């Protein structure tokens, strides 16, 4: 815990910066990304109002994901209010202040500073995306504000080693492990699993981790990286290399275009595959719509599934059913972020930021994403690691085995 002098320095620093920003007009630096809800900060007088600030990309490349995240956050706020949000027994309020960063990490960083310096928030959130979490984490660390991003636990966040950052999401290194475990369980497993590595953080973390995991587990099949490709480029050459390598299962360690190529291109090239895996797109409705029948049998990772036996999943699913909707991974993430912010303040009985992070570190938190426990650098344990497969246009939970929502796992694909 920071001593009194450190706390005083942080408070003085925030006040000086807030005054300076007002004098130059911080709003001008934010462009068109305006405040979407909640209004400005209430200052020190709002002693019973928890202010949660969030920057998320409601326009730009992750808009569809952050719309889901925002809905999950709003559902979490409703849950907190319905269950009597209070501080030491006194009724308290929750204010949620959001800004659209338009998918720009630099705007996300600027907005985080605005949320801290002008809106005086007690907790910071971001929407979907490791780049946004990595951009905002140093602000939260420097200003000593609890930060709960929906970002993977990136190398940037790990190197920060901050007690102020709490990441309820896995490292990308986890994404391919369930797929490999499923392959190992088959009576006629593949002989050679090929991995296509995108030249991004996703590929650089996920692809080598799959190879290393297979070696450590001693599987009776080979796992190797077949090709490295640039994000968004044509995938014909990479798929041809996989075909020439005679792989009978193929995984993409990358983003949307690579996932689409593995779904469609392998069929178009007549590749006889027993199994194939998408990198990060399996949870996207647009992926299923774009790829259609070619997605059938595709496997992928998720941190939340409505059929998983996790704490409060029934609560989340029930609230979505009232709107004839089904929550996905990013909805579950938003609900979890809000749950962590509100429950820790309630448990602490305080809006003091140090009290909030001490409570977060000390507690074990049941959420739809798993029963979470954070170390002093914000790394989580207890997360769900779920593997889903597209079956008949739906994402069915296929691993862990004891949580399956499908009657069976489609394998091999050619059967």
Protein backbone atom coordinates (compact mmCIF):
# COMPACT_ATOMS: atom_id res chain seq x y z
CA UNK A 1 0.00 0.00 0.00
CA UNK A 2 1.26 3.49 -0.84
CA UNK A 3 2.35 5.61 2.12
CA UNK A 4 0.79 9.01 2.87
CA UNK A 5 3.46 10.94 1.00
CA UNK A 6 3.00 8.82 -2.12
CA UNK A 7 -0.76 9.27 -1.98
CA UNK A 8 -0.31 13.02 -1.58
CA UNK A 9 2.03 13.17 -4.56
CA UNK A 10 -0.45 11.27 -6.73
CA UNK A 11 -3.29 13.58 -5.71
CA UNK A 12 -1.25 16.71 -6.34
CA UNK A 13 -0.06 15.41 -9.70
CA UNK A 14 -3.65 14.70 -10.81
CA UNK A 15 -4.81 18.14 -9.70
CA UNK A 16 -2.01 19.93 -11.54
CA UNK A 17 -2.62 17.98 -14.73
CA UNK A 18 -6.38 18.51 -14.50
CA UNK A 19 -5.87 22.26 -14.21
CA UNK A 20 -3.45 22.30 -17.13
CA UNK A 21 -5.74 20.23 -19.34
CA UNK A 22 -8.64 22.55 -18.71
CA UNK A 23 -6.51 25.53 -19.70
CA UNK A 24 -5.58 24.04 -23.09
CA UNK A 25 -8.96 22.45 -23.80
CA UNK A 26 -8.53 18.70 -23.62
CA UNK A 27 -11.72 18.11 -25.59
CA UNK A 28 -9.98 19.34 -28.71
CA UNK A 29 -7.46 16.52 -28.49
CA UNK A 30 -10.23 13.93 -28.48
CA UNK A 31 -11.60 14.78 -31.91
CA UNK A 32 -15.10 13.52 -32.51
CA UNK A 33 -14.92 10.85 -29.82
CA UNK A 34 -17.36 12.29 -27.31
CA UNK A 35 -18.90 11.24 -24.04
CA UNK A 36 -21.61 8.64 -24.61
CA UNK A 37 -23.14 8.43 -21.19
CA UNK A 38 -23.12 9.38 -17.57
CA UNK A 39 -21.89 12.95 -17.74
CA UNK A 40 -18.81 14.47 -16.16
CA UNK A 41 -17.14 13.72 -12.88
CA UNK A 42 -18.79 14.68 -9.67
CA UNK A 43 -15.72 15.72 -7.70
CA UNK A 44 -15.15 14.88 -4.07
CA UNK A 45 -18.73 15.69 -3.07
CA UNK A 46 -20.18 12.48 -4.54
CA UNK A 47 -19.05 10.35 -1.63
CA UNK A 48 -21.57 7.60 -2.33
CA UNK A 49 -21.29 7.37 -6.14
CA UNK A 50 -18.97 4.83 -7.73
CA UNK A 51 -17.79 6.29 -11.04
CA UNK A 52 -16.73 3.72 -13.63
CA UNK A 53 -15.05 5.14 -16.73
CA UNK A 54 -14.70 3.23 -19.98
CA UNK A 55 -13.09 3.87 -23.35
CA UNK A 56 -14.26 1.52 -26.07
CA UNK A 57 -14.41 1.38 -29.86
CA UNK A 58 -18.08 1.77 -30.71
CA UNK A 59 -17.01 2.86 -34.19
CA UNK A 60 -14.03 1.50 -36.06
CA UNK A 61 -12.64 -2.03 -36.47
CA UNK A 62 -13.92 -3.54 -33.21
CA UNK A 63 -17.33 -1.85 -33.15
CA UNK A 64 -19.39 -5.04 -33.27
CA UNK A 65 -17.38 -6.55 -30.42
CA UNK A 66 -17.54 -3.47 -28.23
CA UNK A 67 -21.28 -3.18 -28.76
CA UNK A 68 -21.48 -6.62 -27.18
CA UNK A 69 -19.08 -5.57 -24.43
CA UNK A 70 -21.15 -2.45 -23.73
CA UNK A 71 -24.33 -4.52 -23.47
CA UNK A 72 -22.58 -6.83 -21.02
CA UNK A 73 -21.44 -3.83 -18.95
CA UNK A 74 -24.97 -2.40 -18.86
CA UNK A 75 -26.33 -5.79 -17.83
CA UNK A 76 -23.73 -5.91 -15.06
CA UNK A 77 -24.74 -2.45 -13.86
CA UNK A 78 -28.39 -3.51 -13.75
CA UNK A 79 -27.42 -6.62 -11.79
CA UNK A 80 -25.44 -4.56 -9.26
CA UNK A 81 -28.28 -2.09 -8.75
CA UNK A 82 -30.92 -4.82 -8.51
CA UNK A 83 -28.89 -6.51 -5.79
CA UNK A 84 -28.63 -3.40 -3.66
CA UNK A 85 -25.37 -1.59 -4.33
CA UNK A 86 -24.25 -0.07 -1.04
CA UNK A 87 -21.17 1.09 0.83
CA UNK A 88 -21.02 -0.04 4.46
CA UNK A 89 -24.78 -0.53 4.45
CA UNK A 90 -25.61 2.89 3.01
CA UNK A 91 -27.34 2.99 -0.37
CA UNK A 92 -24.93 4.13 -3.07
CA UNK A 93 -25.08 5.06 -6.74
CA UNK A 94 -23.13 3.90 -9.79
CA UNK A 95 -22.23 6.21 -12.66
CA UNK A 96 -20.88 4.78 -15.93
CA UNK A 97 -19.02 7.27 -18.15
CA UNK A 98 -18.07 6.10 -21.64
CA UNK A 99 -16.14 7.52 -24.60
CA UNK A 100 -15.85 6.16 -28.13
CA UNK A 101 -12.19 5.82 -29.08
CA UNK A 102 -13.11 4.89 -32.68
CA UNK A 103 -10.74 1.95 -32.55
CA UNK A 104 -7.70 4.19 -32.05
CA UNK A 105 -5.33 3.18 -29.20
CA UNK A 106 -3.97 6.73 -28.91
CA UNK A 107 -7.49 8.10 -28.47
CA UNK A 108 -8.09 5.39 -25.89
CA UNK A 109 -5.04 6.60 -23.97
CA UNK A 110 -6.17 10.25 -24.18
CA UNK A 111 -9.66 9.34 -23.05
CA UNK A 112 -8.29 7.37 -20.12
CA UNK A 113 -6.47 10.52 -19.00
CA UNK A 114 -9.67 12.51 -19.38
CA UNK A 115 -11.60 9.95 -17.34
CA UNK A 116 -8.99 10.19 -14.58
CA UNK A 117 -8.25 13.91 -14.66
CA UNK A 118 -11.64 15.42 -15.47
CA UNK A 119 -14.24 12.79 -14.67
CA UNK A 120 -12.47 11.63 -11.51
CA UNK A 121 -13.41 7.97 -11.98
CA UNK A 122 -12.71 5.33 -9.36
CA UNK A 123 -12.26 2.44 -11.84
CA UNK A 124 -11.19 2.33 -15.51
CA UNK A 125 -12.41 -0.19 -18.10
CA UNK A 126 -11.66 -0.72 -21.77
CA UNK A 127 -13.53 -2.68 -24.38
CA UNK A 128 -12.20 -5.46 -26.59
CA UNK A 129 -8.63 -5.51 -27.81
CA UNK A 130 -5.12 -5.97 -26.52
CA UNK A 131 -3.85 -2.77 -28.15
CA UNK A 132 -6.35 -0.68 -26.17
CA UNK A 133 -5.59 -2.44 -22.90
CA UNK A 134 -1.88 -1.97 -23.47
CA UNK A 135 -2.36 1.74 -24.29
CA UNK A 136 -4.40 2.49 -21.17
CA UNK A 137 -2.56 0.32 -18.63
CA UNK A 138 0.38 2.77 -18.18
CA UNK A 139 -2.09 5.60 -17.49
CA UNK A 140 -3.83 3.57 -14.80
CA UNK A 141 -0.49 2.55 -13.31
CA UNK A 142 0.93 6.08 -13.25
CA UNK A 143 -2.25 7.65 -11.87
CA UNK A 144 -2.96 4.78 -9.44
CA UNK A 145 -6.47 4.01 -10.66
CA UNK A 146 -7.85 0.43 -10.67
CA UNK A 147 -7.97 -0.79 -14.27
CA UNK A 148 -9.98 -3.77 -15.55
CA UNK A 149 -9.47 -4.09 -19.33
CA UNK A 150 -10.91 -6.66 -21.65
CA UNK A 151 -7.56 -7.39 -23.18
CA UNK A 152 -5.45 -10.48 -23.24
CA UNK A 153 -2.68 -10.49 -20.66
CA UNK A 154 -0.20 -8.93 -23.09
CA UNK A 155 3.58 -8.72 -22.74
CA UNK A 156 3.17 -4.94 -22.27
CA UNK A 157 0.86 -5.47 -19.31
CA UNK A 158 3.07 -8.23 -17.92
CA UNK A 159 6.16 -6.02 -18.11
CA UNK A 160 4.31 -3.20 -16.35
CA UNK A 161 3.96 -5.50 -13.32
CA UNK A 162 1.35 -3.18 -11.84
CA UNK A 163 -0.80 -3.78 -8.78
CA UNK A 164 -3.39 -1.44 -10.36
CA UNK A 165 -4.16 -3.61 -13.42
CA UNK A 166 -6.50 -6.64 -13.32
CA UNK A 167 -6.97 -8.65 -16.51
CA UNK A 168 -9.94 -11.07 -16.51
CA UNK A 169 -8.73 -12.65 -19.75
CA UNK A 170 -6.09 -15.22 -20.71
CA UNK A 171 -2.81 -14.95 -22.52
CA UNK A 172 -3.19 -15.75 -26.20
CA UNK A 173 -0.92 -18.72 -25.53
CA UNK A 174 -3.98 -20.56 -24.15
CA UNK A 175 -6.04 -20.39 -27.34
CA UNK A 176 -4.87 -23.55 -29.10
CA UNK A 177 -4.52 -25.92 -26.16
CA UNK A 178 -8.11 -27.20 -26.09
CA UNK A 179 -7.94 -27.96 -29.81
CA UNK A 180 -4.82 -30.07 -29.32
CA UNK A 181 -6.34 -31.87 -26.33
CA UNK A 182 -9.38 -32.74 -28.44
CA UNK A 183 -7.12 -34.14 -31.16
CA UNK A 184 -5.31 -36.29 -28.61
CA UNK A 185 -8.61 -37.75 -27.37
CA UNK A 186 -9.60 -39.12 -30.78
CA UNK A 187 -9.25 -42.84 -31.51
CA UNK A 188 -7.76 -41.95 -34.90
CA UNK A 189 -5.91 -38.68 -34.20
CA UNK A 190 -4.27 -36.61 -36.93
CA UNK A 191 -0.68 -37.42 -37.79
CA UNK A 192 0.37 -33.86 -38.54
CA UNK A 193 -1.16 -30.62 -37.26
CA UNK A 194 -0.07 -27.58 -39.24
CA UNK A 195 -0.16 -24.05 -37.81
CA UNK A 196 -0.31 -20.90 -39.93
CA UNK A 197 1.29 -18.03 -38.01
CA UNK A 198 0.10 -14.49 -38.63
CA UNK A 199 2.82 -11.85 -38.31
CA UNK A 200 1.13 -10.16 -35.31
CA UNK A 201 1.13 -10.49 -31.53
CA UNK A 202 -1.61 -13.12 -31.84
CA UNK A 203 0.48 -15.27 -34.16
CA UNK A 204 3.75 -14.70 -32.34
CA UNK A 205 2.24 -15.85 -29.04
CA UNK A 206 -0.22 -18.53 -30.13
CA UNK A 207 1.68 -20.51 -32.77
CA UNK A 208 4.89 -21.26 -30.80
CA UNK A 209 2.78 -21.98 -27.71
CA UNK A 210 0.91 -24.71 -29.59
CA UNK A 211 4.16 -26.35 -30.69
CA UNK A 212 5.63 -26.14 -27.19
CA UNK A 213 2.45 -27.45 -25.55
CA UNK A 214 2.35 -30.47 -27.87
CA UNK A 215 5.99 -31.25 -27.08
CA UNK A 216 5.42 -30.91 -23.34
CA UNK A 217 2.34 -33.14 -23.42
CA UNK A 218 4.04 -35.76 -25.59
CA UNK A 219 1.18 -36.13 -28.06
CA UNK A 220 1.43 -38.88 -30.67
CA UNK A 221 1.22 -36.39 -33.52
CA UNK A 222 3.46 -33.68 -34.88
CA UNK A 223 2.61 -29.99 -34.46
CA UNK A 224 4.62 -27.54 -36.53
CA UNK A 225 4.43 -24.02 -37.95
CA UNK A 226 3.91 -24.33 -41.70
CA UNK A 227 4.07 -20.69 -42.77
CA UNK A 228 4.21 -17.11 -41.48
CA UNK A 229 2.02 -14.59 -43.29
CA UNK A 230 1.19 -10.88 -43.10
CA UNK A 231 -2.19 -9.95 -41.67
CA UNK A 232 -4.81 -9.22 -44.31
CA UNK A 233 -2.80 -10.63 -47.21
CA UNK A 234 -3.96 -13.29 -49.65
CA UNK A 235 -3.69 -16.73 -48.05
CA UNK A 236 -3.44 -18.89 -51.18
CA UNK A 237 0.30 -19.44 -50.81
CA UNK A 238 0.03 -20.34 -47.12
CA UNK A 239 -2.73 -22.85 -47.78
CA UNK A 240 -0.70 -24.36 -50.61
CA UNK A 241 2.26 -24.81 -48.25
CA UNK A 242 -0.02 -26.56 -45.76
CA UNK A 243 -1.29 -28.84 -48.51
CA UNK A 244 2.24 -29.63 -49.70
CA UNK A 245 3.20 -30.46 -46.10
CA UNK A 246 0.43 -33.10 -46.03
CA UNK A 247 -1.13 -31.83 -42.81
CA UNK A 248 -4.37 -33.52 -41.82
CA UNK A 249 -5.38 -30.86 -39.29
CA UNK A 250 -4.87 -27.11 -39.69
CA UNK A 251 -4.95 -24.24 -37.19
CA UNK A 252 -4.77 -20.52 -37.88
CA UNK A 253 -2.91 -18.46 -35.30
CA UNK A 254 -4.26 -15.12 -36.42
CA UNK A 255 -7.22 -12.87 -37.16
CA UNK A 256 -10.28 -12.77 -39.38
CA UNK A 257 -8.93 -13.15 -42.91
CA UNK A 258 -6.79 -16.13 -41.96
CA UNK A 259 -9.75 -17.75 -40.21
CA UNK A 260 -11.91 -17.24 -43.31
CA UNK A 261 -9.16 -18.70 -45.50
CA UNK A 262 -8.91 -21.82 -43.36
CA UNK A 263 -12.69 -22.23 -43.41
CA UNK A 264 -13.27 -21.59 -47.12
CA UNK A 265 -9.92 -22.04 -48.81
CA UNK A 266 -9.22 -25.53 -47.53
CA UNK A 267 -12.51 -26.67 -49.07
CA UNK A 268 -11.86 -24.85 -52.34
CA UNK A 269 -8.41 -26.46 -52.59
CA UNK A 270 -9.83 -29.88 -51.80
CA UNK A 271 -7.74 -30.41 -48.68
CA UNK A 272 -8.70 -33.59 -46.82
CA UNK A 273 -8.57 -32.40 -43.22
CA UNK A 274 -9.70 -34.19 -40.09
CA UNK A 275 -9.96 -30.93 -38.12
CA UNK A 276 -9.39 -27.20 -38.46
CA UNK A 277 -9.22 -24.32 -36.02
CA UNK A 278 -9.91 -20.59 -36.23
CA UNK A 279 -7.68 -18.13 -34.39
CA UNK A 280 -9.82 -15.38 -32.87
CA UNK A 281 -12.97 -15.25 -35.04
CA UNK A 282 -14.99 -18.19 -33.77
CA UNK A 283 -16.99 -15.96 -31.40
CA UNK A 284 -17.95 -13.47 -34.14
CA UNK A 285 -21.46 -13.68 -35.57
CA UNK A 286 -20.17 -11.99 -38.72
CA UNK A 287 -17.72 -14.87 -39.21
CA UNK A 288 -20.54 -17.40 -39.19
CA UNK A 289 -22.59 -15.24 -41.57
CA UNK A 290 -19.71 -14.67 -43.98
CA UNK A 291 -18.39 -18.21 -44.06
CA UNK A 292 -21.76 -19.98 -43.73
CA UNK A 293 -21.58 -23.76 -44.27
CA UNK A 294 -17.79 -23.68 -44.62
CA UNK A 295 -17.61 -22.88 -40.90
CA UNK A 296 -19.23 -26.19 -39.97
CA UNK A 297 -16.84 -28.22 -37.86
CA UNK A 298 -14.46 -25.30 -37.20
CA UNK A 299 -13.05 -25.23 -33.68
CA UNK A 300 -12.05 -22.20 -31.62
CA UNK A 301 -11.40 -20.78 -28.17
CA UNK A 302 -13.78 -18.76 -26.00
CA UNK A 303 -13.74 -17.39 -22.47
CA UNK A 304 -17.51 -17.65 -22.01
CA UNK A 305 -20.28 -19.88 -23.31
CA UNK A 306 -23.91 -19.74 -22.13
CA UNK A 307 -23.89 -23.50 -21.61
CA UNK A 308 -20.80 -23.52 -19.39
CA UNK A 309 -21.22 -24.36 -15.73
CA UNK A 310 -19.72 -21.15 -14.38
CA UNK A 311 -20.80 -18.80 -11.57
CA UNK A 312 -23.57 -16.37 -12.52
CA UNK A 313 -23.81 -17.67 -16.09
CA UNK A 314 -27.48 -18.50 -15.49
CA UNK A 315 -28.00 -14.96 -14.19
CA UNK A 316 -26.42 -13.45 -17.30
CA UNK A 317 -28.24 -15.77 -19.71
CA UNK A 318 -31.57 -15.12 -17.97
CA UNK A 319 -31.22 -11.36 -18.30
CA UNK A 320 -30.42 -11.68 -22.01
CA UNK A 321 -33.36 -14.01 -22.55
CA UNK A 322 -35.64 -11.17 -21.48
CA UNK A 323 -34.52 -9.41 -24.69
CA UNK A 324 -34.65 -12.62 -26.77
CA UNK A 325 -30.86 -12.57 -26.98
CA UNK A 326 -28.01 -14.94 -26.16
CA UNK A 327 -24.81 -13.58 -24.58
CA UNK A 328 -21.50 -14.30 -26.23
CA UNK A 329 -17.89 -14.07 -25.10
CA UNK A 330 -17.71 -10.27 -25.23
CA UNK A 331 -21.03 -9.87 -23.43
CA UNK A 332 -19.73 -12.14 -20.69
CA UNK A 333 -16.54 -10.09 -20.52
CA UNK A 334 -18.40 -6.80 -20.06
CA UNK A 335 -20.59 -8.31 -17.35
CA UNK A 336 -17.50 -9.67 -15.59
CA UNK A 337 -15.62 -6.35 -15.74
CA UNK A 338 -18.57 -4.55 -14.18
CA UNK A 339 -19.08 -7.25 -11.59
CA UNK A 340 -15.46 -6.93 -10.47
CA UNK A 341 -15.69 -3.13 -10.26
CA UNK A 342 -18.95 -3.02 -8.30
CA UNK A 343 -18.48 -6.03 -6.04
CA UNK A 344 -15.02 -4.98 -4.90
CA UNK A 345 -16.17 -1.45 -4.01
CA UNK A 346 -19.14 -2.95 -2.19
CA UNK A 347 -16.95 -5.47 -0.38
CA UNK A 348 -14.41 -2.78 0.52
CA UNK A 349 -17.21 -0.50 1.71
CA UNK A 350 -15.19 2.32 0.22
CA UNK A 351 -14.48 4.33 -2.92
CA UNK A 352 -10.84 4.75 -1.95
CA UNK A 353 -8.83 3.41 -4.89
CA UNK A 354 -6.24 1.71 -2.71
CA UNK A 355 -9.00 -0.04 -0.75
CA UNK A 356 -10.54 -1.22 -4.02
CA UNK A 357 -7.33 -2.79 -5.36
CA UNK A 358 -6.47 -4.32 -1.99
CA UNK A 359 -9.90 -5.96 -1.97
CA UNK A 360 -9.48 -7.15 -5.57
CA UNK A 361 -6.13 -8.72 -4.73
CA UNK A 362 -7.38 -10.33 -1.52
CA UNK A 363 -10.65 -11.75 -2.86
CA UNK A 364 -11.73 -14.69 -4.99
CA UNK A 365 -14.41 -13.56 -7.44
CA UNK A 366 -17.10 -15.82 -8.95
CA UNK A 367 -17.91 -14.54 -12.46
CA UNK A 368 -19.26 -15.93 -15.75
CA UNK A 369 -15.65 -15.99 -16.98
CA UNK A 370 -14.60 -18.26 -14.11
CA UNK A 371 -13.80 -17.96 -10.41
CA UNK A 372 -11.02 -15.41 -10.57
CA UNK A 373 -8.04 -14.81 -8.33
CA UNK A 374 -5.50 -12.12 -9.27
CA UNK A 375 -1.82 -12.07 -8.39
CA UNK A 376 -0.06 -8.82 -7.50
CA UNK A 377 0.66 -8.10 -11.18
CA UNK A 378 -3.00 -8.54 -12.18
CA UNK A 379 -2.55 -11.94 -13.81
CA UNK A 380 -5.65 -14.10 -13.31
CA UNK A 381 -6.07 -17.70 -12.31
CA UNK A 382 -9.36 -19.60 -12.39
CA UNK A 383 -10.38 -18.47 -15.89
CA UNK A 384 -12.59 -20.55 -18.14
CA UNK A 385 -10.66 -22.15 -21.00
CA UNK A 386 -13.42 -23.32 -23.30
CA UNK A 387 -13.31 -24.79 -26.79
CA UNK A 388 -16.31 -24.55 -29.11
CA UNK A 389 -17.15 -26.08 -32.46
CA UNK A 390 -19.52 -24.76 -35.12
CA UNK A 391 -22.26 -27.31 -35.59
CA UNK A 392 -25.27 -26.50 -37.75
CA UNK A 393 -24.56 -22.78 -37.53
CA UNK A 394 -24.31 -22.75 -33.73
CA UNK A 395 -21.27 -22.64 -31.46
CA UNK A 396 -21.43 -25.77 -29.33
CA UNK A 397 -19.21 -26.25 -26.29
CA UNK A 398 -17.03 -29.34 -26.89
CA UNK A 399 -14.20 -29.03 -24.35
CA UNK A 400 -13.85 -29.60 -21.42
CA UNK A 401 -15.70 -32.84 -22.03
CA UNK A 402 -17.78 -32.63 -18.85
CA UNK A 403 -19.29 -29.32 -20.02
CA UNK A 404 -20.22 -30.30 -23.56
CA UNK A 405 -23.43 -28.89 -24.97
CA UNK A 406 -23.08 -30.95 -28.17
CA UNK A 407 -24.06 -34.60 -28.49
CA UNK A 408 -20.67 -35.29 -30.01
CA UNK A 409 -17.57 -33.70 -31.48
CA UNK A 410 -17.49 -33.64 -35.30
CA UNK A 411 -14.35 -35.58 -36.21
CA UNK A 412 -13.06 -36.25 -38.77
CA UNK A 413 -14.54 -33.49 -40.92
CA UNK A 414 -14.65 -35.68 -44.03
CA UNK A 415 -16.86 -38.32 -42.44
